[in-house]
PDB file of N, CA and C in Angstrom:
ATOM      1  N   MET A   1      96.891  69.631 120.604  1.00  0.00           N
ATOM      2  CA  MET A   1      95.599  70.262 120.731  1.00  0.00           C
ATOM      3  C   MET A   1      95.350  71.171 119.520  1.00  0.00           C
ATOM      4  N   PRO A   2      94.119  71.304 119.122  1.00  0.00           N
ATOM      5  CA  PRO A   2      93.799  72.118 117.942  1.00  0.00           C
ATOM      6  C   PRO A   2      94.150  73.596 118.115  1.00  0.00           C
ATOM      7  N   ILE A   3      94.031  74.106 119.335  1.00  0.00           N
ATOM      8  CA  ILE A   3      94.309  75.528 119.545  1.00  0.00           C
ATOM      9  C   ILE A   3      95.788  75.836 119.308  1.00  0.00           C
ATOM     10  N   ASP A   4      96.663  74.873 119.608  1.00  0.00           N
ATOM     11  CA  ASP A   4      98.091  75.069 119.363  1.00  0.00           C
ATOM     12  C   ASP A   4      98.378  75.159 117.870  1.00  0.00           C
ATOM     13  N   GLU A   5      97.734  74.329 117.092  1.00  0.00           N
ATOM     14  CA  GLU A   5      97.930  74.356 115.639  1.00  0.00           C
ATOM     15  C   GLU A   5      97.430  75.670 115.039  1.00  0.00           C
ATOM     16  N   ILE A   6      96.298  76.132 115.528  1.00  0.00           N
ATOM     17  CA  ILE A   6      95.748  77.400 115.030  1.00  0.00           C
ATOM     18  C   ILE A   6      96.674  78.550 115.403  1.00  0.00           C
ATOM     19  N   GLY A   7      97.157  78.550 116.641  1.00  0.00           N
ATOM     20  CA  GLY A   7      98.048  79.619 117.103  1.00  0.00           C
ATOM     21  C   GLY A   7      99.361  79.644 116.345  1.00  0.00           C
ATOM     22  N   SER A   8      99.958  78.472 116.144  1.00  0.00           N
ATOM     23  CA  SER A   8     101.235  78.442 115.425  1.00  0.00           C
ATOM     24  C   SER A   8     101.047  78.807 113.956  1.00  0.00           C
ATOM     25  N   GLY A   9      99.937  78.412 113.370  1.00  0.00           N
ATOM     26  CA  GLY A   9      99.656  78.796 111.986  1.00  0.00           C
ATOM     27  C   GLY A   9      99.438  80.294 111.850  1.00  0.00           C
ATOM     28  N   LEU A  10      98.752  80.880 112.822  1.00  0.00           N
ATOM     29  CA  LEU A  10      98.497  82.318 112.796  1.00  0.00           C
ATOM     30  C   LEU A  10      99.787  83.107 112.981  1.00  0.00           C
ATOM     31  N   ILE A  11     100.624  82.680 113.906  1.00  0.00           N
ATOM     32  CA  ILE A  11     101.904  83.365 114.124  1.00  0.00           C
ATOM     33  C   ILE A  11     102.787  83.241 112.887  1.00  0.00           C
ATOM     34  N   GLY A  12     102.809  82.070 112.280  1.00  0.00           N
ATOM     35  CA  GLY A  12     103.587  81.892 111.050  1.00  0.00           C
ATOM     36  C   GLY A  12     103.096  82.790 109.933  1.00  0.00           C
ATOM     37  N   ALA A  13     101.786  82.932 109.814  1.00  0.00           N
ATOM     38  CA  ALA A  13     101.221  83.801 108.775  1.00  0.00           C
ATOM     39  C   ALA A  13     101.560  85.260 109.032  1.00  0.00           C
ATOM     40  N   ILE A  14     101.539  85.668 110.277  1.00  0.00           N
ATOM     41  CA  ILE A  14     101.874  87.058 110.614  1.00  0.00           C
ATOM     42  C   ILE A  14     103.328  87.352 110.284  1.00  0.00           C
ATOM     43  N   PHE A  15     104.243  86.457 110.679  1.00  0.00           N
ATOM     44  CA  PHE A  15     105.659  86.669 110.372  1.00  0.00           C
ATOM     45  C   PHE A  15     105.924  86.610 108.871  1.00  0.00           C
ATOM     46  N   ARG A  16     105.243  85.752 108.160  1.00  0.00           N
ATOM     47  CA  ARG A  16     105.395  85.671 106.710  1.00  0.00           C
ATOM     48  C   ARG A  16     104.937  86.972 106.054  1.00  0.00           C
ATOM     49  N   PHE A  17     103.833  87.534 106.541  1.00  0.00           N
ATOM     50  CA  PHE A  17     103.328  88.795 106.000  1.00  0.00           C
ATOM     51  C   PHE A  17     104.319  89.930 106.239  1.00  0.00           C
ATOM     52  N   PHE A  18     104.836  90.046 107.462  1.00  0.00           N
ATOM     53  CA  PHE A  18     105.786  91.123 107.754  1.00  0.00           C
ATOM     54  C   PHE A  18     107.101  90.929 107.012  1.00  0.00           C
ATOM     55  N   GLY A  19     107.527  89.697 106.820  1.00  0.00           N
ATOM     56  CA  GLY A  19     108.724  89.438 106.019  1.00  0.00           C
ATOM     57  C   GLY A  19     108.526  89.835 104.576  1.00  0.00           C
ATOM     58  N   TRP A  20     107.379  89.502 104.016  1.00  0.00           N
ATOM     59  CA  TRP A  20     107.069  89.899 102.639  1.00  0.00           C
ATOM     60  C   TRP A  20     107.004  91.416 102.527  1.00  0.00           C
ATOM     61  N   LEU A  21     106.385  92.064 103.496  1.00  0.00           N
ATOM     62  CA  LEU A  21     106.261  93.516 103.486  1.00  0.00           C
ATOM     63  C   LEU A  21     107.633  94.178 103.555  1.00  0.00           C
ATOM     64  N   LEU A  22     108.491  93.689 104.421  1.00  0.00           N
ATOM     65  CA  LEU A  22     109.835  94.247 104.554  1.00  0.00           C
ATOM     66  C   LEU A  22     110.632  94.050 103.274  1.00  0.00           C
ATOM     67  N   LEU A  23     110.581  92.871 102.705  1.00  0.00           N
ATOM     68  CA  LEU A  23     111.308  92.601 101.467  1.00  0.00           C
ATOM     69  C   LEU A  23     110.774  93.456 100.327  1.00  0.00           C
ATOM     70  N   ASP A  24     109.476  93.609 100.251  1.00  0.00           N
ATOM     71  CA  ASP A  24     108.881  94.422  99.192  1.00  0.00           C
ATOM     72  C   ASP A  24     109.300  95.880  99.326  1.00  0.00           C
ATOM     73  N   VAL A  25     109.320  96.394 100.539  1.00  0.00           N
ATOM     74  CA  VAL A  25     109.738  97.781 100.757  1.00  0.00           C
ATOM     75  C   VAL A  25     111.205  97.960 100.395  1.00  0.00           C
ATOM     76  N   VAL A  26     112.044  97.018 100.794  1.00  0.00           N
ATOM     77  CA  VAL A  26     113.474  97.127 100.495  1.00  0.00           C
ATOM     78  C   VAL A  26     113.709  97.107  98.995  1.00  0.00           C
ATOM     79  N   VAL A  27     113.114  96.161  98.303  1.00  0.00           N
ATOM     80  CA  VAL A  27     113.348  96.047  96.862  1.00  0.00           C
ATOM     81  C   VAL A  27     112.731  97.217  96.116  1.00  0.00           C
ATOM     82  N   GLU A  28     111.501  97.552  96.422  1.00  0.00           N
ATOM     83  CA  GLU A  28     110.797  98.587  95.673  1.00  0.00           C
ATOM     84  C   GLU A  28     111.362  99.976  95.937  1.00  0.00           C
ATOM     85  N   VAL A  29     111.545 100.323  97.185  1.00  0.00           N
ATOM     86  CA  VAL A  29     111.915 101.694  97.516  1.00  0.00           C
ATOM     87  C   VAL A  29     113.417 101.905  97.466  1.00  0.00           C
ATOM     88  N   LEU A  30     114.157 101.079  98.161  1.00  0.00           N
ATOM     89  CA  LEU A  30     115.588 101.330  98.270  1.00  0.00           C
ATOM     90  C   LEU A  30     116.350 100.991  96.999  1.00  0.00           C
ATOM     91  N   ILE A  31     116.068  99.875  96.387  1.00  0.00           N
ATOM     92  CA  ILE A  31     116.849  99.466  95.219  1.00  0.00           C
ATOM     93  C   ILE A  31     116.277 100.059  93.938  1.00  0.00           C
ATOM     94  N   LYS A  32     115.020  99.786  93.648  1.00  0.00           N
ATOM     95  CA  LYS A  32     114.432 100.304  92.404  1.00  0.00           C
ATOM     96  C   LYS A  32     114.287 101.820  92.434  1.00  0.00           C
ATOM     97  N   GLY A  33     113.989 102.379  93.594  1.00  0.00           N
ATOM     98  CA  GLY A  33     113.842 103.830  93.699  1.00  0.00           C
ATOM     99  C   GLY A  33     115.141 104.556  93.412  1.00  0.00           C
ATOM    100  N   LEU A  34     116.236 104.071  93.990  1.00  0.00           N
ATOM    101  CA  LEU A  34     117.538 104.679  93.729  1.00  0.00           C
ATOM    102  C   LEU A  34     117.936 104.506  92.272  1.00  0.00           C
ATOM    103  N   GLY A  35     117.696 103.342  91.721  1.00  0.00           N
ATOM    104  CA  GLY A  35     118.009 103.114  90.311  1.00  0.00           C
ATOM    105  C   GLY A  35     117.208 104.017  89.395  1.00  0.00           C
ATOM    106  N   TYR A  36     115.947 104.214  89.713  1.00  0.00           N
ATOM    107  CA  TYR A  36     115.103 105.101  88.907  1.00  0.00           C
ATOM    108  C   TYR A  36     115.595 106.544  88.997  1.00  0.00           C
ATOM    109  N   LEU A  37     115.952 106.983  90.196  1.00  0.00           N
ATOM    110  CA  LEU A  37     116.437 108.353  90.358  1.00  0.00           C
ATOM    111  C   LEU A  37     117.752 108.585  89.625  1.00  0.00           C
ATOM    112  N   LEU A  38     118.596 107.563  89.574  1.00  0.00           N
ATOM    113  CA  LEU A  38     119.871 107.712  88.870  1.00  0.00           C
ATOM    114  C   LEU A  38     119.701 107.656  87.358  1.00  0.00           C
ATOM    115  N   CYS A  39     118.760 106.888  86.861  1.00  0.00           N
ATOM    116  CA  CYS A  39     118.562 106.735  85.411  1.00  0.00           C
ATOM    117  C   CYS A  39     117.697 107.833  84.807  1.00  0.00           C
ATOM    118  N   ARG A  40     116.831 108.405  85.582  1.00  0.00           N
ATOM    119  CA  ARG A  40     115.845 109.354  85.064  1.00  0.00           C
ATOM    120  C   ARG A  40     116.448 110.557  84.339  1.00  0.00           C
ATOM    121  N   PRO A  41     117.544 111.162  84.798  1.00  0.00           N
ATOM    122  CA  PRO A  41     118.073 112.320  84.056  1.00  0.00           C
ATOM    123  C   PRO A  41     118.619 111.978  82.671  1.00  0.00           C
ATOM    124  N   PHE A  42     118.990 110.732  82.442  1.00  0.00           N
ATOM    125  CA  PHE A  42     119.650 110.371  81.192  1.00  0.00           C
ATOM    126  C   PHE A  42     118.702 109.860  80.118  1.00  0.00           C
ATOM    127  N   LYS A  43     117.661 109.138  80.521  1.00  0.00           N
ATOM    128  CA  LYS A  43     116.707 108.628  79.544  1.00  0.00           C
ATOM    129  C   LYS A  43     115.397 108.294  80.248  1.00  0.00           C
ATOM    130  N   LYS A  44     114.363 108.110  79.452  1.00  0.00           N
ATOM    131  CA  LYS A  44     113.081 107.711  80.022  1.00  0.00           C
ATOM    132  C   LYS A  44     113.185 106.241  80.418  1.00  0.00           C
ATOM    133  N   VAL A  45     112.922 105.957  81.668  1.00  0.00           N
ATOM    134  CA  VAL A  45     113.087 104.599  82.181  1.00  0.00           C
ATOM    135  C   VAL A  45     111.835 104.207  82.962  1.00  0.00           C
ATOM    136  N   ASP A  46     111.511 102.932  82.888  1.00  0.00           N
ATOM    137  CA  ASP A  46     110.380 102.381  83.630  1.00  0.00           C
ATOM    138  C   ASP A  46     110.806 102.166  85.084  1.00  0.00           C
ATOM    139  N   PRO A  47     110.086 102.729  86.065  1.00  0.00           N
ATOM    140  CA  PRO A  47     110.487 102.552  87.460  1.00  0.00           C
ATOM    141  C   PRO A  47     110.466 101.095  87.915  1.00  0.00           C
ATOM    142  N   ASP A  48     109.704 100.247  87.251  1.00  0.00           N
ATOM    143  CA  ASP A  48     109.647  98.837  87.623  1.00  0.00           C
ATOM    144  C   ASP A  48     110.484  97.968  86.698  1.00  0.00           C
ATOM    145  N   GLY A  49     111.275  98.556  85.852  1.00  0.00           N
ATOM    146  CA  GLY A  49     112.022  97.801  84.858  1.00  0.00           C
ATOM    147  C   GLY A  49     113.333  97.243  85.381  1.00  0.00           C
ATOM    148  N   PHE A  50     113.956  96.440  84.522  1.00  0.00           N
ATOM    149  CA  PHE A  50     115.222  95.795  84.861  1.00  0.00           C
ATOM    150  C   PHE A  50     116.342  96.814  85.004  1.00  0.00           C
ATOM    151  N   THR A  51     116.316  97.868  84.184  1.00  0.00           N
ATOM    152  CA  THR A  51     117.379  98.871  84.235  1.00  0.00           C
ATOM    153  C   THR A  51     117.414  99.555  85.594  1.00  0.00           C
ATOM    154  N   ALA A  52     116.271  99.934  86.111  1.00  0.00           N
ATOM    155  CA  ALA A  52     116.212 100.579  87.422  1.00  0.00           C
ATOM    156  C   ALA A  52     116.690  99.623  88.510  1.00  0.00           C
ATOM    157  N   LEU A  53     116.310  98.365  88.416  1.00  0.00           N
ATOM    158  CA  LEU A  53     116.742  97.373  89.397  1.00  0.00           C
ATOM    159  C   LEU A  53     118.247  97.167  89.340  1.00  0.00           C
ATOM    160  N   PHE A  54     118.799  97.010  88.142  1.00  0.00           N
ATOM    161  CA  PHE A  54     120.235  96.765  87.983  1.00  0.00           C
ATOM    162  C   PHE A  54     121.060  97.965  88.444  1.00  0.00           C
ATOM    163  N   VAL A  55     120.658  99.161  88.030  1.00  0.00           N
ATOM    164  CA  VAL A  55     121.397 100.366  88.422  1.00  0.00           C
ATOM    165  C   VAL A  55     121.288 100.591  89.927  1.00  0.00           C
ATOM    166  N   GLY A  56     120.134 100.322  90.505  1.00  0.00           N
ATOM    167  CA  GLY A  56     119.970 100.457  91.947  1.00  0.00           C
ATOM    168  C   GLY A  56     120.846  99.493  92.721  1.00  0.00           C
ATOM    169  N   MET A  57     120.904  98.240  92.272  1.00  0.00           N
ATOM    170  CA  MET A  57     121.771  97.262  92.942  1.00  0.00           C
ATOM    171  C   MET A  57     123.234  97.657  92.804  1.00  0.00           C
ATOM    172  N   LEU A  58     123.629  98.084  91.612  1.00  0.00           N
ATOM    173  CA  LEU A  58     125.006  98.509  91.381  1.00  0.00           C
ATOM    174  C   LEU A  58     125.354  99.723  92.243  1.00  0.00           C
ATOM    175  N   ALA A  59     124.441 100.659  92.364  1.00  0.00           N
ATOM    176  CA  ALA A  59     124.675 101.843  93.189  1.00  0.00           C
ATOM    177  C   ALA A  59     124.850 101.467  94.654  1.00  0.00           C
ATOM    178  N   TRP A  60     124.028 100.540  95.149  1.00  0.00           N
ATOM    179  CA  TRP A  60     124.168 100.131  96.548  1.00  0.00           C
ATOM    180  C   TRP A  60     125.475  99.390  96.787  1.00  0.00           C
ATOM    181  N   VAL A  61     125.913  98.599  95.827  1.00  0.00           N
ATOM    182  CA  VAL A  61     127.214  97.923  95.967  1.00  0.00           C
ATOM    183  C   VAL A  61     128.326  98.960  96.039  1.00  0.00           C
ATOM    184  N   ILE A  62     128.273  99.967  95.180  1.00  0.00           N
ATOM    185  CA  ILE A  62     129.291 101.019  95.186  1.00  0.00           C
ATOM    186  C   ILE A  62     129.252 101.798  96.502  1.00  0.00           C
ATOM    187  N   ILE A  63     128.068 102.095  96.997  1.00  0.00           N
ATOM    188  CA  ILE A  63     127.939 102.818  98.266  1.00  0.00           C
ATOM    189  C   ILE A  63     128.530 102.005  99.411  1.00  0.00           C
ATOM    190  N   ILE A  64     128.215 100.716  99.472  1.00  0.00           N
ATOM    191  CA  ILE A  64     128.714  99.866 100.559  1.00  0.00           C
ATOM    192  C   ILE A  64     130.226  99.732 100.487  1.00  0.00           C
ATOM    193  N   VAL A  65     130.766  99.522  99.288  1.00  0.00           N
ATOM    194  CA  VAL A  65     132.219  99.409  99.133  1.00  0.00           C
ATOM    195  C   VAL A  65     132.890 100.724  99.515  1.00  0.00           C
ATOM    196  N   ALA A  66     132.322 101.850  99.125  1.00  0.00           N
ATOM    197  CA  ALA A  66     132.901 103.150  99.468  1.00  0.00           C
ATOM    198  C   ALA A  66     132.904 103.371 100.978  1.00  0.00           C
ATOM    199  N   VAL A  67     131.835 102.997 101.645  1.00  0.00           N
ATOM    200  CA  VAL A  67     131.778 103.145 103.101  1.00  0.00           C
ATOM    201  C   VAL A  67     132.820 102.262 103.770  1.00  0.00           C
ATOM    202  N   ILE A  68     132.977 101.042 103.301  1.00  0.00           N
ATOM    203  CA  ILE A  68     133.973 100.132 103.881  1.00  0.00           C
ATOM    204  C   ILE A  68     135.379 100.689 103.686  1.00  0.00           C
ATOM    205  N   VAL A  69     135.666 101.207 102.500  1.00  0.00           N
ATOM    206  CA  VAL A  69     136.995 101.757 102.221  1.00  0.00           C
ATOM    207  C   VAL A  69     137.247 103.005 103.067  1.00  0.00           C
ATOM    208  N   ILE A  70     136.255 103.859 103.216  1.00  0.00           N
ATOM    209  CA  ILE A  70     136.427 105.088 103.994  1.00  0.00           C
ATOM    210  C   ILE A  70     136.605 104.781 105.475  1.00  0.00           C
ATOM    211  N   VAL A  71     135.869 103.829 105.996  1.00  0.00           N
ATOM    212  CA  VAL A  71     135.952 103.499 107.418  1.00  0.00           C
ATOM    213  C   VAL A  71     137.301 102.881 107.764  1.00  0.00           C
ATOM    214  N   LYS A  72     137.837 102.074 106.874  1.00  0.00           N
ATOM    215  CA  LYS A  72     139.152 101.471 107.140  1.00  0.00           C
ATOM    216  C   LYS A  72     140.187 102.545 106.999  1.00  0.00           C
TER     217      LYS A  72
END
């Protein structure tokens, strides 16, 4: 029935939107934000640049490894 196709398409679009929103928040705020905060005292850095992304990812890896080591 046509109503089923419309409903499933609408639900898929809603979940796709919330997934994109969640991923965007995680990447922008948690990873790039932390990288920008760590790089900012040492040099002028672009908050959307590769350096902020790389340093943020590296910082989160170090944080996760430290938590695992401390908990064990």
